[in-house]
C-alpha atoms as a PDB file:
ATOM      1  CA  MET A   1       0.000   0.000   0.000  1.00  0.00           C
ATOM      2  CA  LYS A   2       1.175   3.474  -0.820  1.00  0.00           C
ATOM      3  CA  PRO A   3      -0.199   6.245   1.443  1.00  0.00           C
ATOM      4  CA  LEU A   4      -1.908   9.163  -0.306  1.00  0.00           C
ATOM      5  CA  ASP A   5      -2.342  12.742   0.938  1.00  0.00           C
ATOM      6  CA  ASP A   6      -6.051  12.338   1.686  1.00  0.00           C
ATOM      7  CA  GLY A   7      -5.653   9.487   4.206  1.00  0.00           C
ATOM      8  CA  THR A   8      -6.392   6.767   1.664  1.00  0.00           C
ATOM      9  CA  PHE A   9      -3.955   4.317   0.130  1.00  0.00           C
ATOM     10  CA  SER A  10      -3.085   3.172  -3.374  1.00  0.00           C
ATOM     11  CA  ILE A  11      -2.771  -0.554  -4.076  1.00  0.00           C
ATOM     12  CA  ALA A  12       0.933  -0.899  -4.924  1.00  0.00           C
ATOM     13  CA  SER A  13       1.033  -4.540  -6.025  1.00  0.00           C
ATOM     14  CA  ILE A  14      -1.193  -6.862  -8.022  1.00  0.00           C
ATOM     15  CA  PRO A  15      -3.872  -8.208  -5.656  1.00  0.00           C
ATOM     16  CA  PHE A  16      -3.590 -11.952  -5.951  1.00  0.00           C
ATOM     17  CA  GLN A  17      -6.598 -13.493  -4.273  1.00  0.00           C
ATOM     18  CA  THR A  18      -9.021 -10.634  -3.647  1.00  0.00           C
ATOM     19  CA  TYR A  19     -12.027  -9.881  -5.802  1.00  0.00           C
ATOM     20  CA  GLY A  20     -12.757  -6.313  -6.859  1.00  0.00           C
ATOM     21  CA  LEU A  21      -9.292  -4.786  -6.353  1.00  0.00           C
ATOM     22  CA  ALA A  22      -6.573  -3.942  -8.862  1.00  0.00           C
ATOM     23  CA  LEU A  23      -3.188  -2.257  -9.021  1.00  0.00           C
ATOM     24  CA  GLY A  24      -3.510   1.490  -8.368  1.00  0.00           C
ATOM     25  CA  ASP A  25      -7.010   1.411  -6.852  1.00  0.00           C
ATOM     26  CA  ARG A  26      -7.522   3.934  -4.039  1.00  0.00           C
ATOM     27  CA  VAL A  27      -8.694   2.246  -0.832  1.00  0.00           C
ATOM     28  CA  ARG A  28      -9.565   3.005   2.773  1.00  0.00           C
ATOM     29  CA  LEU A  29      -8.011   0.934   5.579  1.00  0.00           C
ATOM     30  CA  SER A  30      -9.655  -0.176   8.813  1.00  0.00           C
ATOM     31  CA  ALA A  31      -8.134   0.292  12.275  1.00  0.00           C
ATOM     32  CA  ASN A  32      -6.537  -3.166  11.969  1.00  0.00           C
ATOM     33  CA  VAL A  33      -4.921  -2.132   8.651  1.00  0.00           C
ATOM     34  CA  GLN A  34      -7.124  -4.176   6.334  1.00  0.00           C
ATOM     35  CA  VAL A  35      -8.808  -2.827   3.227  1.00  0.00           C
ATOM     36  CA  SER A  36     -12.289  -1.753   4.286  1.00  0.00           C
ATOM     37  CA  GLY A  37     -13.488  -0.036   1.114  1.00  0.00           C
ATOM     38  CA  VAL A  38     -12.653   1.040  -2.419  1.00  0.00           C
ATOM     39  CA  MET A  39     -12.623   4.822  -2.780  1.00  0.00           C
ATOM     40  CA  GLY A  40     -11.571   5.014  -6.443  1.00  0.00           C
ATOM     41  CA  SER A  41     -10.779   2.686  -9.311  1.00  0.00           C
ATOM     42  CA  SER A  42      -7.562   2.821 -11.322  1.00  0.00           C
ATOM     43  CA  SER A  43      -9.393   1.068 -14.198  1.00  0.00           C
ATOM     44  CA  HIS A  44      -6.749  -1.673 -14.144  1.00  0.00           C
ATOM     45  CA  ARG A  45      -7.988  -5.261 -14.237  1.00  0.00           C
ATOM     46  CA  VAL A  46      -6.457  -8.432 -12.840  1.00  0.00           C
ATOM     47  CA  LEU A  47      -6.511 -11.620 -14.885  1.00  0.00           C
ATOM     48  CA  ARG A  48      -5.824 -14.727 -12.816  1.00  0.00           C
ATOM     49  CA  MET A  49      -4.974 -18.184 -14.079  1.00  0.00           C
ATOM     50  CA  LEU A  50      -4.532 -21.500 -12.284  1.00  0.00           C
ATOM     51  CA  LEU A  51      -2.706 -24.250 -14.144  1.00  0.00           C
ATOM     52  CA  VAL A  52      -3.857 -27.821 -13.545  1.00  0.00           C
ATOM     53  CA  PRO A  53      -1.187 -30.232 -12.256  1.00  0.00           C
ATOM     54  CA  ALA A  54       0.042 -32.225 -15.241  1.00  0.00           C
ATOM     55  CA  PRO A  55       0.907 -35.929 -15.173  1.00  0.00           C
ATOM     56  CA  ASP A  56       3.893 -35.030 -17.338  1.00  0.00           C
ATOM     57  CA  PRO A  57       6.016 -32.326 -15.631  1.00  0.00           C
ATOM     58  CA  LYS A  58       7.395 -31.319 -19.033  1.00  0.00           C
ATOM     59  CA  GLN A  59       3.874 -30.380 -20.189  1.00  0.00           C
ATOM     60  CA  LEU A  60       3.400 -28.073 -17.166  1.00  0.00           C
ATOM     61  CA  THR A  61       6.821 -26.489 -17.756  1.00  0.00           C
ATOM     62  CA  GLU A  62       5.920 -25.841 -21.412  1.00  0.00           C
ATOM     63  CA  SER A  63       2.597 -24.234 -20.395  1.00  0.00           C
ATOM     64  CA  ILE A  64       4.356 -21.997 -17.860  1.00  0.00           C
ATOM     65  CA  ASP A  65       6.948 -20.993 -20.454  1.00  0.00           C
ATOM     66  CA  ARG A  66       4.246 -20.095 -23.010  1.00  0.00           C
ATOM     67  CA  ILE A  67       2.362 -17.973 -20.472  1.00  0.00           C
ATOM     68  CA  ARG A  68       5.501 -16.214 -19.199  1.00  0.00           C
ATOM     69  CA  THR A  69       6.555 -15.487 -22.779  1.00  0.00           C
ATOM     70  CA  GLY A  70       3.102 -14.078 -23.585  1.00  0.00           C
ATOM     71  CA  ILE A  71       3.144 -11.851 -20.485  1.00  0.00           C
ATOM     72  CA  ASP A  72       6.648 -10.586 -21.297  1.00  0.00           C
ATOM     73  CA  ALA A  73       5.822  -9.997 -24.977  1.00  0.00           C
ATOM     74  CA  ALA A  74       2.768  -7.943 -23.964  1.00  0.00           C
ATOM     75  CA  GLY A  75       4.904  -5.902 -21.538  1.00  0.00           C
ATOM     76  CA  LEU A  76       2.591  -6.681 -18.623  1.00  0.00           C
ATOM     77  CA  LEU A  77       3.272  -7.002 -14.913  1.00  0.00           C
ATOM     78  CA  SER A  78       2.541 -10.324 -13.234  1.00  0.00           C
ATOM     79  CA  VAL A  79       2.908 -12.131  -9.934  1.00  0.00           C
ATOM     80  CA  TRP A  80       3.271 -15.888  -9.596  1.00  0.00           C
ATOM     81  CA  ASN A  81       2.216 -17.855  -6.518  1.00  0.00           C
ATOM     82  CA  GLY A  82       4.140 -21.094  -6.810  1.00  0.00           C
ATOM     83  CA  ASP A  83       4.499 -22.452 -10.315  1.00  0.00           C
ATOM     84  CA  ARG A  84       0.810 -22.831 -11.217  1.00  0.00           C
ATOM     85  CA  HIS A  85      -1.019 -19.644 -10.210  1.00  0.00           C
ATOM     86  CA  VAL A  86      -0.442 -16.272 -11.893  1.00  0.00           C
ATOM     87  CA  ALA A  87      -2.090 -12.851 -11.588  1.00  0.00           C
ATOM     88  CA  VAL A  88      -1.584 -10.417 -14.480  1.00  0.00           C
ATOM     89  CA  ASP A  89      -2.162  -6.646 -14.366  1.00  0.00           C
ATOM     90  CA  ILE A  90      -4.105  -5.398 -17.392  1.00  0.00           C
ATOM     91  CA  PRO A  91      -3.825  -1.579 -17.555  1.00  0.00           C
ATOM     92  CA  PRO A  92      -6.631   0.490 -19.092  1.00  0.00           C
ATOM     93  CA  GLY A  93      -6.562   0.562 -22.883  1.00  0.00           C
ATOM     94  CA  THR A  94      -4.431  -2.605 -23.076  1.00  0.00           C
ATOM     95  CA  HIS A  95      -5.640  -5.433 -25.296  1.00  0.00           C
ATOM     96  CA  PRO A  96      -3.116  -8.295 -24.999  1.00  0.00           C
ATOM     97  CA  SER A  97      -4.810 -10.540 -27.540  1.00  0.00           C
ATOM     98  CA  THR A  98      -1.765 -12.799 -27.991  1.00  0.00           C
ATOM     99  CA  LEU A  99      -1.653 -13.491 -24.245  1.00  0.00           C
ATOM    100  CA  PHE A 100      -5.410 -14.146 -24.232  1.00  0.00           C
ATOM    101  CA  ASP A 101      -4.955 -16.597 -27.121  1.00  0.00           C
ATOM    102  CA  ILE A 102      -2.208 -18.442 -25.211  1.00  0.00           C
ATOM    103  CA  MET A 103      -4.316 -18.605 -22.060  1.00  0.00           C
ATOM    104  CA  GLN A 104      -7.432 -19.684 -23.959  1.00  0.00           C
ATOM    105  CA  ARG A 105      -5.459 -22.529 -25.526  1.00  0.00           C
ATOM    106  CA  GLU A 106      -4.431 -23.748 -22.058  1.00  0.00           C
ATOM    107  CA  VAL A 107      -8.065 -23.588 -20.880  1.00  0.00           C
ATOM    108  CA  SER A 108      -9.450 -25.242 -24.046  1.00  0.00           C
ATOM    109  CA  GLU A 109      -7.007 -28.113 -23.680  1.00  0.00           C
ATOM    110  CA  GLY A 110      -8.002 -28.639 -20.030  1.00  0.00           C
ATOM    111  CA  ARG A 111      -4.706 -27.447 -18.592  1.00  0.00           C
ATOM    112  CA  ALA A 112      -5.920 -24.295 -16.811  1.00  0.00           C
ATOM    113  CA  PHE A 113      -8.740 -22.162 -15.426  1.00  0.00           C
ATOM    114  CA  TRP A 114      -8.874 -18.367 -15.524  1.00  0.00           C
ATOM    115  CA  GLU A 115     -10.985 -15.537 -14.132  1.00  0.00           C
ATOM    116  CA  TRP A 116     -11.164 -11.763 -13.937  1.00  0.00           C
ATOM    117  CA  ALA A 117     -10.649 -10.499 -10.378  1.00  0.00           C
ATOM    118  CA  ASP A 118     -13.462  -8.004 -10.924  1.00  0.00           C
ATOM    119  CA  ALA A 119     -15.959 -10.826 -11.527  1.00  0.00           C
ATOM    120  CA  MET A 120     -17.291  -9.872  -8.081  1.00  0.00           C
ATOM    121  CA  PRO A 121     -17.114  -6.517  -6.298  1.00  0.00           C
ATOM    122  CA  PHE A 122     -14.770  -6.038  -3.361  1.00  0.00           C
ATOM    123  CA  SER A 123     -16.179  -6.914   0.044  1.00  0.00           C
ATOM    124  CA  ALA A 124     -14.366  -6.676   3.377  1.00  0.00           C
ATOM    125  CA  HIS A 125     -16.713  -9.338   4.751  1.00  0.00           C
ATOM    126  CA  ARG A 126     -16.210 -12.385   2.493  1.00  0.00           C
END
């Protein structure tokens, strides 16, 4: 979190497992320093993908390599949690169609699941 002049904070990293938050969003914190509300949207989106464990480790490695290459080629920021779960920051006005094609291939072939983090609004009470 990055403190702002008005007592709110800016999300300074890609939110990995929270719905309704994205990099750069302006938020309010509670007394116990947890996000309690979204005060302003940065218009960034978070695309999350979970790769399915593969019986052949080489297949998983190839999937990871394709996704990393697609993220790098699109010039996007990402965060990995282990070797199978990635969150990608999609800034406003960005249309990384090549990355989407790579990810859709993984999903179509049963090797992954994906979701938009803004599929549900933020709630401090989930």
